C-alpha atoms as a PDB file:
ATOM      1  CA  ASP A   1      26.891  -3.621   9.424  1.00  0.00           C
ATOM      2  CA  CYS A   2      27.398  -1.887   5.902  1.00  0.00           C
ATOM      3  CA  GLY A   3      24.167  -1.471   3.884  1.00  0.00           C
ATOM      4  CA  THR A   4      23.293  -2.681   0.374  1.00  0.00           C
ATOM      5  CA  ILE A   5      20.330  -2.051  -2.240  1.00  0.00           C
ATOM      6  CA  TRP A   6      18.455   0.906  -0.980  1.00  0.00           C
ATOM      7  CA  HIS A   7      20.120   1.436   2.596  1.00  0.00           C
ATOM      8  CA  TYR A   8      19.498   4.915   3.577  1.00  0.00           C
ATOM      9  CA  CYS A   9      22.990   6.304   3.713  1.00  0.00           C
ATOM     10  CA  GLY A  10      22.389  10.035   3.555  1.00  0.00           C
ATOM     11  CA  THR A  11      25.872  11.665   2.644  1.00  0.00           C
ATOM     12  CA  ASP A  12      27.902   9.096   4.246  1.00  0.00           C
ATOM     13  CA  GLN A  13      29.648   6.697   1.961  1.00  0.00           C
ATOM     14  CA  SER A  14      31.278   4.655   4.848  1.00  0.00           C
ATOM     15  CA  GLU A  15      27.414   3.362   5.644  1.00  0.00           C
ATOM     16  CA  CYS A  16      27.510   1.326   2.107  1.00  0.00           C
ATOM     17  CA  CYS A  17      29.226  -1.699   1.729  1.00  0.00           C
ATOM     18  CA  GLU A  18      32.452  -1.769  -0.240  1.00  0.00           C
ATOM     19  CA  GLY A  19      31.519  -2.116  -4.158  1.00  0.00           C
ATOM     20  CA  TRP A  20      28.399   0.084  -3.158  1.00  0.00           C
ATOM     21  CA  LYS A  21      28.200   4.117  -3.599  1.00  0.00           C
ATOM     22  CA  CYS A  22      25.931   6.442  -1.736  1.00  0.00           C
ATOM     23  CA  SER A  23      24.009   8.056  -4.594  1.00  0.00           C
ATOM     24  CA  ARG A  24      21.010  10.452  -3.954  1.00  0.00           C
ATOM     25  CA  GLN A  25      21.263   9.209  -0.221  1.00  0.00           C
ATOM     26  CA  LEU A  26      20.911   5.570  -0.892  1.00  0.00           C
ATOM     27  CA  CYS A  27      23.255   2.755  -1.393  1.00  0.00           C
ATOM     28  CA  LYS A  28      23.491   1.842  -5.209  1.00  0.00           C
ATOM     29  CA  TYR A  29      25.879  -0.890  -6.692  1.00  0.00           C
ATOM     30  CA  VAL A  30      28.990   0.211  -8.354  1.00  0.00           C
ATOM     31  CA  ILE A  31      30.535  -2.155 -11.511  1.00  0.00           C
ATOM     32  CA  ASP A  32      34.053  -1.315 -11.923  1.00  0.00           C
ATOM     33  CA  TRP A  33      34.908  -1.842 -15.412  1.00  0.00           C
END
């Protein structure tokens, strides 16, 4: 499973769902303008 809000990802972007970014070790939602 992939992670969404506040999911711990460390430095691994693949831990976050598509559309989410690994930021400061947690998954954050990214809006593509």
